[in-house]
C-alpha atoms as a PDB file:
ATOM      1  CA  UNK A   1       1.755  27.338  -5.732  1.00  0.00           C
ATOM      2  CA  UNK A   2       1.221  28.467  -1.568  1.00  0.00           C
ATOM      3  CA  UNK A   3       0.106  26.407   0.458  1.00  0.00           C
ATOM      4  CA  UNK A   4      -2.528  28.168   3.183  1.00  0.00           C
ATOM      5  CA  UNK A   5      -3.220  24.692   4.902  1.00  0.00           C
ATOM      6  CA  UNK A   6      -1.769  21.097   5.329  1.00  0.00           C
ATOM      7  CA  UNK A   7      -2.693  17.917   7.503  1.00  0.00           C
ATOM      8  CA  UNK A   8      -1.220  14.298   7.528  1.00  0.00           C
ATOM      9  CA  UNK A   9      -4.613  12.403   7.515  1.00  0.00           C
ATOM     10  CA  UNK A  10      -2.486   9.400   6.935  1.00  0.00           C
ATOM     11  CA  UNK A  11       0.026   8.695   8.454  1.00  0.00           C
ATOM     12  CA  UNK A  12       2.457   5.420   7.371  1.00  0.00           C
ATOM     13  CA  UNK A  13      -0.793   3.773   7.797  1.00  0.00           C
ATOM     14  CA  UNK A  14      -0.507   0.235   7.767  1.00  0.00           C
ATOM     15  CA  UNK A  15      -4.025  -1.433   8.820  1.00  0.00           C
ATOM     16  CA  UNK A  16      -7.449  -0.977   7.393  1.00  0.00           C
ATOM     17  CA  UNK A  17      -8.349   3.361   9.455  1.00  0.00           C
ATOM     18  CA  UNK A  18     -10.210   6.768   8.801  1.00  0.00           C
ATOM     19  CA  UNK A  19      -7.864   8.559   8.466  1.00  0.00           C
ATOM     20  CA  UNK A  20      -8.540  12.498   9.858  1.00  0.00           C
ATOM     21  CA  UNK A  21     -10.195  14.894   8.261  1.00  0.00           C
ATOM     22  CA  UNK A  22      -8.967  18.426   7.053  1.00  0.00           C
ATOM     23  CA  UNK A  23     -11.652  20.995   7.216  1.00  0.00           C
ATOM     24  CA  UNK A  24     -12.615  22.948   3.689  1.00  0.00           C
ATOM     25  CA  UNK A  25     -15.191  25.371   4.497  1.00  0.00           C
ATOM     26  CA  UNK A  26     -14.269  28.673   2.487  1.00  0.00           C
ATOM     27  CA  UNK A  27     -11.818  26.447   0.401  1.00  0.00           C
ATOM     28  CA  UNK A  28     -12.558  26.052  -3.236  1.00  0.00           C
ATOM     29  CA  UNK A  29      -9.253  23.958  -4.270  1.00  0.00           C
ATOM     30  CA  UNK A  30      -7.715  20.666  -2.555  1.00  0.00           C
ATOM     31  CA  UNK A  31      -4.884  18.938  -3.533  1.00  0.00           C
ATOM     32  CA  UNK A  32      -3.570  15.131  -2.057  1.00  0.00           C
ATOM     33  CA  UNK A  33      -0.392  13.539  -2.350  1.00  0.00           C
ATOM     34  CA  UNK A  34      -0.614   9.802  -2.125  1.00  0.00           C
ATOM     35  CA  UNK A  35       2.886   7.661  -0.758  1.00  0.00           C
ATOM     36  CA  UNK A  36       4.270   4.933   1.104  1.00  0.00           C
ATOM     37  CA  UNK A  37       5.446   0.988   0.699  1.00  0.00           C
ATOM     38  CA  UNK A  38       2.805  -0.492   0.422  1.00  0.00           C
ATOM     39  CA  UNK A  39       2.339  -3.338  -2.392  1.00  0.00           C
ATOM     40  CA  UNK A  40      -1.645  -3.672  -2.696  1.00  0.00           C
ATOM     41  CA  UNK A  41      -4.338  -0.603  -1.484  1.00  0.00           C
ATOM     42  CA  UNK A  42      -7.669   0.408  -2.280  1.00  0.00           C
ATOM     43  CA  UNK A  43      -8.008   4.125  -0.715  1.00  0.00           C
ATOM     44  CA  UNK A  44     -11.208   6.632  -0.614  1.00  0.00           C
ATOM     45  CA  UNK A  45     -11.383   9.757  -2.215  1.00  0.00           C
ATOM     46  CA  UNK A  46     -14.718  10.814   0.612  1.00  0.00           C
ATOM     47  CA  UNK A  47     -16.253  14.221   1.249  1.00  0.00           C
ATOM     48  CA  UNK A  48     -19.126  15.823   3.818  1.00  0.00           C
ATOM     49  CA  UNK A  49     -21.303  18.521   4.403  1.00  0.00           C
ATOM     50  CA  UNK A  50     -21.704  18.299   7.261  1.00  0.00           C
ATOM     51  CA  UNK A  51     -18.587  16.881   9.419  1.00  0.00           C
ATOM     52  CA  UNK A  52     -20.394  13.970  10.138  1.00  0.00           C
ATOM     53  CA  UNK A  53     -22.219  11.709   6.946  1.00  0.00           C
ATOM     54  CA  UNK A  54     -19.310  11.398   4.479  1.00  0.00           C
ATOM     55  CA  UNK A  55     -19.437  10.167   0.373  1.00  0.00           C
ATOM     56  CA  UNK A  56     -17.328   9.408  -1.784  1.00  0.00           C
ATOM     57  CA  UNK A  57     -16.017  12.413  -4.519  1.00  0.00           C
ATOM     58  CA  UNK A  58     -14.129  12.510  -7.683  1.00  0.00           C
ATOM     59  CA  UNK A  59     -10.798  14.261  -7.527  1.00  0.00           C
ATOM     60  CA  UNK A  60      -8.321  14.365 -11.330  1.00  0.00           C
ATOM     61  CA  UNK A  61      -5.603  12.920 -11.196  1.00  0.00           C
ATOM     62  CA  UNK A  62      -2.966  15.572 -11.118  1.00  0.00           C
ATOM     63  CA  UNK A  63      -0.393  13.418 -13.764  1.00  0.00           C
ATOM     64  CA  UNK A  64      -3.136  12.737 -15.924  1.00  0.00           C
ATOM     65  CA  UNK A  65      -6.145  15.668 -16.471  1.00  0.00           C
ATOM     66  CA  UNK A  66      -7.407  12.782 -17.721  1.00  0.00           C
ATOM     67  CA  UNK A  67      -8.399  10.895 -14.632  1.00  0.00           C
ATOM     68  CA  UNK A  68     -11.323  11.286 -12.824  1.00  0.00           C
ATOM     69  CA  UNK A  69     -11.569   8.842  -9.966  1.00  0.00           C
ATOM     70  CA  UNK A  70     -13.022   8.096  -5.934  1.00  0.00           C
ATOM     71  CA  UNK A  71     -10.132   5.521  -5.265  1.00  0.00           C
ATOM     72  CA  UNK A  72      -5.925   5.195  -6.202  1.00  0.00           C
ATOM     73  CA  UNK A  73      -4.298   1.997  -5.234  1.00  0.00           C
ATOM     74  CA  UNK A  74      -1.320   4.020  -5.865  1.00  0.00           C
ATOM     75  CA  UNK A  75       1.281   5.178  -4.851  1.00  0.00           C
ATOM     76  CA  UNK A  76       2.981   8.771  -5.668  1.00  0.00           C
ATOM     77  CA  UNK A  77       0.999   9.909  -7.323  1.00  0.00           C
ATOM     78  CA  UNK A  78      -1.445  13.829  -5.930  1.00  0.00           C
ATOM     79  CA  UNK A  79      -4.388  14.149  -6.778  1.00  0.00           C
ATOM     80  CA  UNK A  80      -7.173  18.081  -7.302  1.00  0.00           C
ATOM     81  CA  UNK A  81     -10.682  18.324  -5.582  1.00  0.00           C
ATOM     82  CA  UNK A  82     -12.620  20.744  -5.818  1.00  0.00           C
ATOM     83  CA  UNK A  83     -14.034  21.510  -2.480  1.00  0.00           C
ATOM     84  CA  UNK A  84     -15.641  24.252  -2.655  1.00  0.00           C
ATOM     85  CA  UNK A  85     -19.350  22.631  -1.948  1.00  0.00           C
ATOM     86  CA  UNK A  86     -17.719  21.368   0.796  1.00  0.00           C
ATOM     87  CA  UNK A  87     -17.589  21.336   5.259  1.00  0.00           C
ATOM     88  CA  UNK A  88     -14.076  18.030   5.596  1.00  0.00           C
ATOM     89  CA  UNK A  89     -11.875  16.128   3.298  1.00  0.00           C
ATOM     90  CA  UNK A  90     -10.987  12.633   4.191  1.00  0.00           C
ATOM     91  CA  UNK A  91      -9.494   9.419   2.984  1.00  0.00           C
ATOM     92  CA  UNK A  92     -11.144   6.212   3.417  1.00  0.00           C
ATOM     93  CA  UNK A  93      -8.526   3.135   3.447  1.00  0.00           C
ATOM     94  CA  UNK A  94     -10.186  -0.417   2.737  1.00  0.00           C
ATOM     95  CA  UNK A  95      -7.374  -2.259   1.885  1.00  0.00           C
ATOM     96  CA  UNK A  96      -3.805  -2.086   2.313  1.00  0.00           C
ATOM     97  CA  UNK A  97      -0.278  -5.334   2.304  1.00  0.00           C
ATOM     98  CA  UNK A  98       2.589  -4.823   2.525  1.00  0.00           C
ATOM     99  CA  UNK A  99       4.350  -1.990   3.659  1.00  0.00           C
ATOM    100  CA  UNK A 100       1.902   1.835   4.384  1.00  0.00           C
ATOM    101  CA  UNK A 101       0.109   4.418   3.097  1.00  0.00           C
ATOM    102  CA  UNK A 102       0.548   8.432   4.276  1.00  0.00           C
ATOM    103  CA  UNK A 103      -1.626  11.045   3.049  1.00  0.00           C
ATOM    104  CA  UNK A 104      -1.453  14.504   2.934  1.00  0.00           C
ATOM    105  CA  UNK A 105      -3.417  17.413   2.661  1.00  0.00           C
ATOM    106  CA  UNK A 106      -3.082  20.921   0.672  1.00  0.00           C
ATOM    107  CA  UNK A 107      -5.166  23.730   0.193  1.00  0.00           C
ATOM    108  CA  UNK A 108      -4.013  26.358  -2.215  1.00  0.00           C
ATOM    109  CA  UNK A 109      -4.348  29.330  -2.245  1.00  0.00           C
END
């Protein structure tokens, strides 16, 4: 899978925070990878139609296509989202302890 656009949207975050957004206009799919050192965190997946108002969206865990969720609390995961109706995507770290979390978003060609 070739990558059209890639963006670091959470960079080794150690505090509750909202990540940067990635523009997904004219894109069908988005894949994110979640990694770091935290032993306890909650990461919400969010989309927007107008780059202002965000709402929860669900994605599919690549390692388990039966896992469909709007959040994760596990590291070393990749998630895929249908973003064809969205303008942007971001993540929101609502809880974190003992380490950091990094999220990279990729738009496949």
